[in-house]
Amino acid sequence: MGLRDVLFGKKKLAGPARDRLFALTTAAVTLETELGLRTAGTGGVVFKPLSSGDFVRAENDLQQLLERVAAESGSKLERREDTFGYTWIIVRDSDLEDQVTGVHAVAQGLEEAGFGGQLLAAVFKFEGGKGPVYWVYGYKRGAFWPFVPAAEGKERDNAEELGLKAKLEKELPIEEDLSRWFGVFDAPL
């Protein structure tokens, strides 16, 4: 398939496999037993803010979606803005499987409402190491990468991130292009 085919509508680009998100639940055993990492009880979906024209319709749809997901999963959901202006839907639940299911339901609801293109990432926070460890799932690429902030400032622990990649690349679809491993500094999780 060439660019011309995409531009002229002969073929559509394939979307990422959203079900890959559930690989995190199977990797949880390795995370906990081999790495000493357990869920911190929070995960979230981050997406680009909506344009003002879509905002009113989206607000009503989003609120209904959040109420439905919270009722079905038993998780607590909240909406927050980060320091970069992105919107986060945070799922609070002590069970990782419920977190992943809640995050998936929110992302699926946004996609069904026509806002799938706004989805950026799903982020899950873990604790038990030297500091917090985040597993980020990029919706555009359908892959995970670790994010480990260093103890001071806006630095990251690249050695720890590469170690996590090596230990989990057989269980998780890992983003191969390291330049796409974006950090989630100041994530409201």
C-alpha atoms as a PDB file:
ATOM      1  CA  MET A   1       0.000   0.000   0.000  1.00  0.00           C
ATOM      2  CA  GLY A   2       1.444   3.338  -0.988  1.00  0.00           C
ATOM      3  CA  LEU A   3       0.809   6.877   0.148  1.00  0.00           C
ATOM      4  CA  ARG A   4      -1.202   7.523  -2.994  1.00  0.00           C
ATOM      5  CA  ASP A   5      -3.627   4.715  -2.050  1.00  0.00           C
ATOM      6  CA  VAL A   6      -4.180   6.252   1.362  1.00  0.00           C
ATOM      7  CA  LEU A   7      -4.599   9.780   0.022  1.00  0.00           C
ATOM      8  CA  PHE A   8      -7.138   8.778  -2.586  1.00  0.00           C
ATOM      9  CA  GLY A   9      -9.144   6.500  -0.314  1.00  0.00           C
ATOM     10  CA  LYS A  10      -8.286   3.166  -1.867  1.00  0.00           C
ATOM     11  CA  LYS A  11      -7.080   1.812   1.447  1.00  0.00           C
ATOM     12  CA  LYS A  12      -7.239   2.989   5.012  1.00  0.00           C
ATOM     13  CA  LEU A  13      -4.388   2.984   7.455  1.00  0.00           C
ATOM     14  CA  ALA A  14      -4.801   0.287  10.066  1.00  0.00           C
ATOM     15  CA  GLY A  15      -5.465   1.512  13.568  1.00  0.00           C
ATOM     16  CA  PRO A  16      -3.485   0.187  16.507  1.00  0.00           C
ATOM     17  CA  ALA A  17      -4.602  -3.014  18.177  1.00  0.00           C
ATOM     18  CA  ARG A  18      -6.284  -1.573  21.265  1.00  0.00           C
ATOM     19  CA  ASP A  19      -6.525  -5.018  22.837  1.00  0.00           C
ATOM     20  CA  ARG A  20      -2.737  -4.998  23.237  1.00  0.00           C
ATOM     21  CA  LEU A  21      -3.394  -2.884  26.306  1.00  0.00           C
ATOM     22  CA  PHE A  22      -4.475  -6.059  28.137  1.00  0.00           C
ATOM     23  CA  ALA A  23      -0.962  -7.517  27.814  1.00  0.00           C
ATOM     24  CA  LEU A  24      -0.109  -5.451  30.889  1.00  0.00           C
ATOM     25  CA  THR A  25      -2.338  -7.654  33.037  1.00  0.00           C
ATOM     26  CA  THR A  26      -0.445 -10.801  32.004  1.00  0.00           C
ATOM     27  CA  ALA A  27       2.902  -9.057  32.561  1.00  0.00           C
ATOM     28  CA  ALA A  28       1.816  -8.160  36.113  1.00  0.00           C
ATOM     29  CA  VAL A  29       3.174 -11.446  37.466  1.00  0.00           C
ATOM     30  CA  THR A  30       6.666 -10.678  36.128  1.00  0.00           C
ATOM     31  CA  LEU A  31       6.423  -7.079  37.278  1.00  0.00           C
ATOM     32  CA  GLU A  32       5.628  -8.146  40.821  1.00  0.00           C
ATOM     33  CA  THR A  33       7.631 -11.350  41.313  1.00  0.00           C
ATOM     34  CA  GLU A  34      10.802 -10.571  39.363  1.00  0.00           C
ATOM     35  CA  LEU A  35      10.940  -6.782  39.575  1.00  0.00           C
ATOM     36  CA  GLY A  36       9.142  -6.063  42.860  1.00  0.00           C
ATOM     37  CA  LEU A  37       6.770  -3.614  41.149  1.00  0.00           C
ATOM     38  CA  ARG A  38       3.085  -3.505  42.004  1.00  0.00           C
ATOM     39  CA  THR A  39       0.331  -1.219  40.890  1.00  0.00           C
ATOM     40  CA  ALA A  40       0.081   2.109  42.661  1.00  0.00           C
ATOM     41  CA  GLY A  41      -3.689   1.953  42.147  1.00  0.00           C
ATOM     42  CA  THR A  42      -3.893   4.494  39.331  1.00  0.00           C
ATOM     43  CA  GLY A  43      -3.967   4.437  35.584  1.00  0.00           C
ATOM     44  CA  GLY A  44      -5.237   6.936  33.092  1.00  0.00           C
ATOM     45  CA  VAL A  45      -5.977   7.953  29.553  1.00  0.00           C
ATOM     46  CA  VAL A  46      -4.472  11.165  28.237  1.00  0.00           C
ATOM     47  CA  PHE A  47      -5.862  12.918  25.183  1.00  0.00           C
ATOM     48  CA  LYS A  48      -5.579  16.197  23.363  1.00  0.00           C
ATOM     49  CA  PRO A  49      -8.127  18.817  24.356  1.00  0.00           C
ATOM     50  CA  LEU A  50     -11.017  19.226  21.982  1.00  0.00           C
ATOM     51  CA  SER A  51     -11.652  22.204  19.759  1.00  0.00           C
ATOM     52  CA  SER A  52     -14.271  24.663  21.011  1.00  0.00           C
ATOM     53  CA  GLY A  53     -16.818  23.578  18.382  1.00  0.00           C
ATOM     54  CA  ASP A  54     -16.731  19.958  19.506  1.00  0.00           C
ATOM     55  CA  PHE A  55     -16.410  20.844  23.163  1.00  0.00           C
ATOM     56  CA  VAL A  56     -20.095  21.139  24.171  1.00  0.00           C
ATOM     57  CA  ARG A  57     -21.156  17.880  22.532  1.00  0.00           C
ATOM     58  CA  ALA A  58     -18.067  16.095  23.815  1.00  0.00           C
ATOM     59  CA  GLU A  59     -18.570  17.308  27.390  1.00  0.00           C
ATOM     60  CA  ASN A  60     -21.995  15.682  27.603  1.00  0.00           C
ATOM     61  CA  ASP A  61     -20.788  12.484  25.897  1.00  0.00           C
ATOM     62  CA  LEU A  62     -17.697  12.318  28.093  1.00  0.00           C
ATOM     63  CA  GLN A  63     -19.626  12.776  31.332  1.00  0.00           C
ATOM     64  CA  GLN A  64     -22.095  10.046  30.385  1.00  0.00           C
ATOM     65  CA  LEU A  65     -19.210   7.767  29.426  1.00  0.00           C
ATOM     66  CA  LEU A  66     -17.427   8.328  32.747  1.00  0.00           C
ATOM     67  CA  GLU A  67     -20.575   7.641  34.731  1.00  0.00           C
ATOM     68  CA  ARG A  68     -21.222   4.419  32.774  1.00  0.00           C
ATOM     69  CA  VAL A  69     -17.638   3.117  33.111  1.00  0.00           C
ATOM     70  CA  ALA A  70     -17.525   3.914  36.836  1.00  0.00           C
ATOM     71  CA  ALA A  71     -20.830   2.104  37.397  1.00  0.00           C
ATOM     72  CA  GLU A  72     -19.734  -0.969  35.413  1.00  0.00           C
ATOM     73  CA  SER A  73     -16.222  -1.313  36.831  1.00  0.00           C
ATOM     74  CA  GLY A  74     -16.603  -0.079  40.382  1.00  0.00           C
ATOM     75  CA  SER A  75     -13.508   2.068  39.851  1.00  0.00           C
ATOM     76  CA  LYS A  76     -13.310   5.721  40.780  1.00  0.00           C
ATOM     77  CA  LEU A  77     -12.849   8.018  37.800  1.00  0.00           C
ATOM     78  CA  GLU A  78     -11.817  11.623  37.723  1.00  0.00           C
ATOM     79  CA  ARG A  79     -10.953  14.127  35.071  1.00  0.00           C
ATOM     80  CA  ARG A  80      -7.880  16.380  35.349  1.00  0.00           C
ATOM     81  CA  GLU A  81      -5.830  18.716  33.206  1.00  0.00           C
ATOM     82  CA  ASP A  82      -2.046  18.531  33.320  1.00  0.00           C
ATOM     83  CA  THR A  83       0.491  21.356  33.189  1.00  0.00           C
ATOM     84  CA  PHE A  84       0.796  20.926  29.403  1.00  0.00           C
ATOM     85  CA  GLY A  85      -2.941  21.403  28.794  1.00  0.00           C
ATOM     86  CA  TYR A  86      -3.790  17.759  28.077  1.00  0.00           C
ATOM     87  CA  THR A  87      -6.876  16.096  29.543  1.00  0.00           C
ATOM     88  CA  TRP A  88      -6.551  12.995  31.711  1.00  0.00           C
ATOM     89  CA  ILE A  89      -9.228  10.535  32.749  1.00  0.00           C
ATOM     90  CA  ILE A  90      -7.797   8.844  35.816  1.00  0.00           C
ATOM     91  CA  VAL A  91      -8.966   5.401  36.913  1.00  0.00           C
ATOM     92  CA  ARG A  92      -8.378   4.631  40.590  1.00  0.00           C
ATOM     93  CA  ASP A  93      -8.614   0.977  41.511  1.00  0.00           C
ATOM     94  CA  SER A  94      -6.333  -1.248  43.580  1.00  0.00           C
ATOM     95  CA  ASP A  95      -6.724  -4.104  41.077  1.00  0.00           C
ATOM     96  CA  LEU A  96      -4.565  -3.749  37.939  1.00  0.00           C
ATOM     97  CA  GLU A  97      -6.952  -5.769  35.800  1.00  0.00           C
ATOM     98  CA  ASP A  98      -9.826  -3.444  36.740  1.00  0.00           C
ATOM     99  CA  GLN A  99      -7.627  -0.416  35.993  1.00  0.00           C
ATOM    100  CA  VAL A 100      -6.766  -1.738  32.532  1.00  0.00           C
ATOM    101  CA  THR A 101     -10.406  -2.608  31.843  1.00  0.00           C
ATOM    102  CA  GLY A 102     -11.524   0.873  32.972  1.00  0.00           C
ATOM    103  CA  VAL A 103      -8.874   2.628  30.873  1.00  0.00           C
ATOM    104  CA  HIS A 104      -9.802   0.497  27.859  1.00  0.00           C
ATOM    105  CA  ALA A 105     -13.507   1.304  28.307  1.00  0.00           C
ATOM    106  CA  VAL A 106     -12.807   5.053  28.503  1.00  0.00           C
ATOM    107  CA  ALA A 107     -10.620   4.925  25.380  1.00  0.00           C
ATOM    108  CA  GLN A 108     -13.187   2.841  23.512  1.00  0.00           C
ATOM    109  CA  GLY A 109     -15.968   5.244  24.498  1.00  0.00           C
ATOM    110  CA  LEU A 110     -13.954   8.226  23.274  1.00  0.00           C
ATOM    111  CA  GLU A 111     -13.280   6.424  20.017  1.00  0.00           C
ATOM    112  CA  GLU A 112     -16.965   5.532  19.547  1.00  0.00           C
ATOM    113  CA  ALA A 113     -17.884   9.175  20.153  1.00  0.00           C
ATOM    114  CA  GLY A 114     -15.601  10.144  17.281  1.00  0.00           C
ATOM    115  CA  PHE A 115     -12.629  11.317  19.324  1.00  0.00           C
ATOM    116  CA  GLY A 116     -10.281   8.367  18.781  1.00  0.00           C
ATOM    117  CA  GLY A 117      -7.842  10.629  16.948  1.00  0.00           C
ATOM    118  CA  GLN A 118      -7.452  12.669  20.140  1.00  0.00           C
ATOM    119  CA  LEU A 119      -6.180   9.682  22.160  1.00  0.00           C
ATOM    120  CA  LEU A 120      -2.493   9.948  23.008  1.00  0.00           C
ATOM    121  CA  ALA A 121      -1.616   7.348  25.628  1.00  0.00           C
ATOM    122  CA  ALA A 122      -2.658   5.187  28.536  1.00  0.00           C
ATOM    123  CA  VAL A 123      -0.383   5.415  31.577  1.00  0.00           C
ATOM    124  CA  PHE A 124      -0.144   3.048  34.552  1.00  0.00           C
ATOM    125  CA  LYS A 125       1.806   3.859  37.698  1.00  0.00           C
ATOM    126  CA  PHE A 126       3.758   1.223  39.629  1.00  0.00           C
ATOM    127  CA  GLU A 127       5.685   1.426  42.882  1.00  0.00           C
ATOM    128  CA  GLY A 128       8.191  -0.734  44.705  1.00  0.00           C
ATOM    129  CA  GLY A 129      11.440   0.330  43.069  1.00  0.00           C
ATOM    130  CA  LYS A 130      13.668   3.295  43.871  1.00  0.00           C
ATOM    131  CA  GLY A 131      10.815   5.547  42.807  1.00  0.00           C
ATOM    132  CA  PRO A 132       7.681   5.417  40.682  1.00  0.00           C
ATOM    133  CA  VAL A 133       7.717   3.482  37.411  1.00  0.00           C
ATOM    134  CA  TYR A 134       5.217   4.235  34.673  1.00  0.00           C
ATOM    135  CA  TRP A 135       4.220   1.958  31.837  1.00  0.00           C
ATOM    136  CA  VAL A 136       2.971   4.030  28.923  1.00  0.00           C
ATOM    137  CA  TYR A 137       0.877   2.635  26.065  1.00  0.00           C
ATOM    138  CA  GLY A 138       0.922   4.771  22.923  1.00  0.00           C
ATOM    139  CA  TYR A 139      -2.361   4.476  21.062  1.00  0.00           C
ATOM    140  CA  LYS A 140      -0.938   5.599  17.726  1.00  0.00           C
ATOM    141  CA  ARG A 141       1.698   2.849  17.693  1.00  0.00           C
ATOM    142  CA  GLY A 142      -0.024   0.169  19.784  1.00  0.00           C
ATOM    143  CA  ALA A 143       3.033  -0.402  21.978  1.00  0.00           C
ATOM    144  CA  PHE A 144       4.299   0.109  25.530  1.00  0.00           C
ATOM    145  CA  TRP A 145       7.411   1.734  26.904  1.00  0.00           C
ATOM    146  CA  PRO A 146       8.664   2.290  30.448  1.00  0.00           C
ATOM    147  CA  PHE A 147       9.144   5.732  31.928  1.00  0.00           C
ATOM    148  CA  VAL A 148      11.257   6.052  35.060  1.00  0.00           C
ATOM    149  CA  PRO A 149      11.780   9.608  36.316  1.00  0.00           C
ATOM    150  CA  ALA A 150      15.098  10.229  38.031  1.00  0.00           C
ATOM    151  CA  ALA A 151      15.059  11.403  41.628  1.00  0.00           C
ATOM    152  CA  GLU A 152      15.882  14.989  40.750  1.00  0.00           C
ATOM    153  CA  GLY A 153      14.244  17.365  38.297  1.00  0.00           C
ATOM    154  CA  LYS A 154      13.035  16.561  34.810  1.00  0.00           C
ATOM    155  CA  GLU A 155      15.543  13.811  34.119  1.00  0.00           C
ATOM    156  CA  ARG A 156      14.853  10.153  33.467  1.00  0.00           C
ATOM    157  CA  ASP A 157      16.639   6.980  34.439  1.00  0.00           C
ATOM    158  CA  ASN A 158      17.479   5.624  30.988  1.00  0.00           C
ATOM    159  CA  ALA A 159      19.435   2.632  32.329  1.00  0.00           C
ATOM    160  CA  GLU A 160      16.456   1.494  34.405  1.00  0.00           C
ATOM    161  CA  GLU A 161      14.097   1.993  31.444  1.00  0.00           C
ATOM    162  CA  LEU A 162      16.292  -0.133  29.162  1.00  0.00           C
ATOM    163  CA  GLY A 163      16.537  -2.798  31.873  1.00  0.00           C
ATOM    164  CA  LEU A 164      12.739  -2.926  32.120  1.00  0.00           C
ATOM    165  CA  LYS A 165      12.486  -3.172  28.338  1.00  0.00           C
ATOM    166  CA  ALA A 166      14.866  -6.137  28.291  1.00  0.00           C
ATOM    167  CA  LYS A 167      12.987  -7.941  31.067  1.00  0.00           C
ATOM    168  CA  LEU A 168       9.494  -7.461  29.624  1.00  0.00           C
ATOM    169  CA  GLU A 169       9.871  -7.355  25.844  1.00  0.00           C
ATOM    170  CA  LYS A 170       8.745 -10.999  25.579  1.00  0.00           C
ATOM    171  CA  GLU A 171       5.518 -10.228  27.456  1.00  0.00           C
ATOM    172  CA  LEU A 172       4.608  -6.741  26.245  1.00  0.00           C
ATOM    173  CA  PRO A 173       4.565  -5.194  22.794  1.00  0.00           C
ATOM    174  CA  ILE A 174       7.437  -2.736  23.364  1.00  0.00           C
ATOM    175  CA  GLU A 175       7.970   0.349  21.210  1.00  0.00           C
ATOM    176  CA  GLU A 176      11.208  -0.351  19.353  1.00  0.00           C
ATOM    177  CA  ASP A 177      11.929   3.268  18.405  1.00  0.00           C
ATOM    178  CA  LEU A 178      13.426   4.743  21.576  1.00  0.00           C
ATOM    179  CA  SER A 179      12.921   8.283  20.255  1.00  0.00           C
ATOM    180  CA  ARG A 180       9.177   7.678  20.706  1.00  0.00           C
ATOM    181  CA  TRP A 181       9.521   6.876  24.411  1.00  0.00           C
ATOM    182  CA  PHE A 182       7.972  10.106  25.599  1.00  0.00           C
ATOM    183  CA  GLY A 183       8.139  10.967  29.277  1.00  0.00           C
ATOM    184  CA  VAL A 184       5.050  11.762  31.317  1.00  0.00           C
ATOM    185  CA  PHE A 185       6.577  14.251  33.720  1.00  0.00           C
ATOM    186  CA  ASP A 186       4.024  15.733  36.111  1.00  0.00           C
ATOM    187  CA  ALA A 187       1.392  13.118  35.196  1.00  0.00           C
ATOM    188  CA  PRO A 188      -1.570  13.653  37.560  1.00  0.00           C
ATOM    189  CA  LEU A 189      -1.573   9.975  38.598  1.00  0.00           C
END
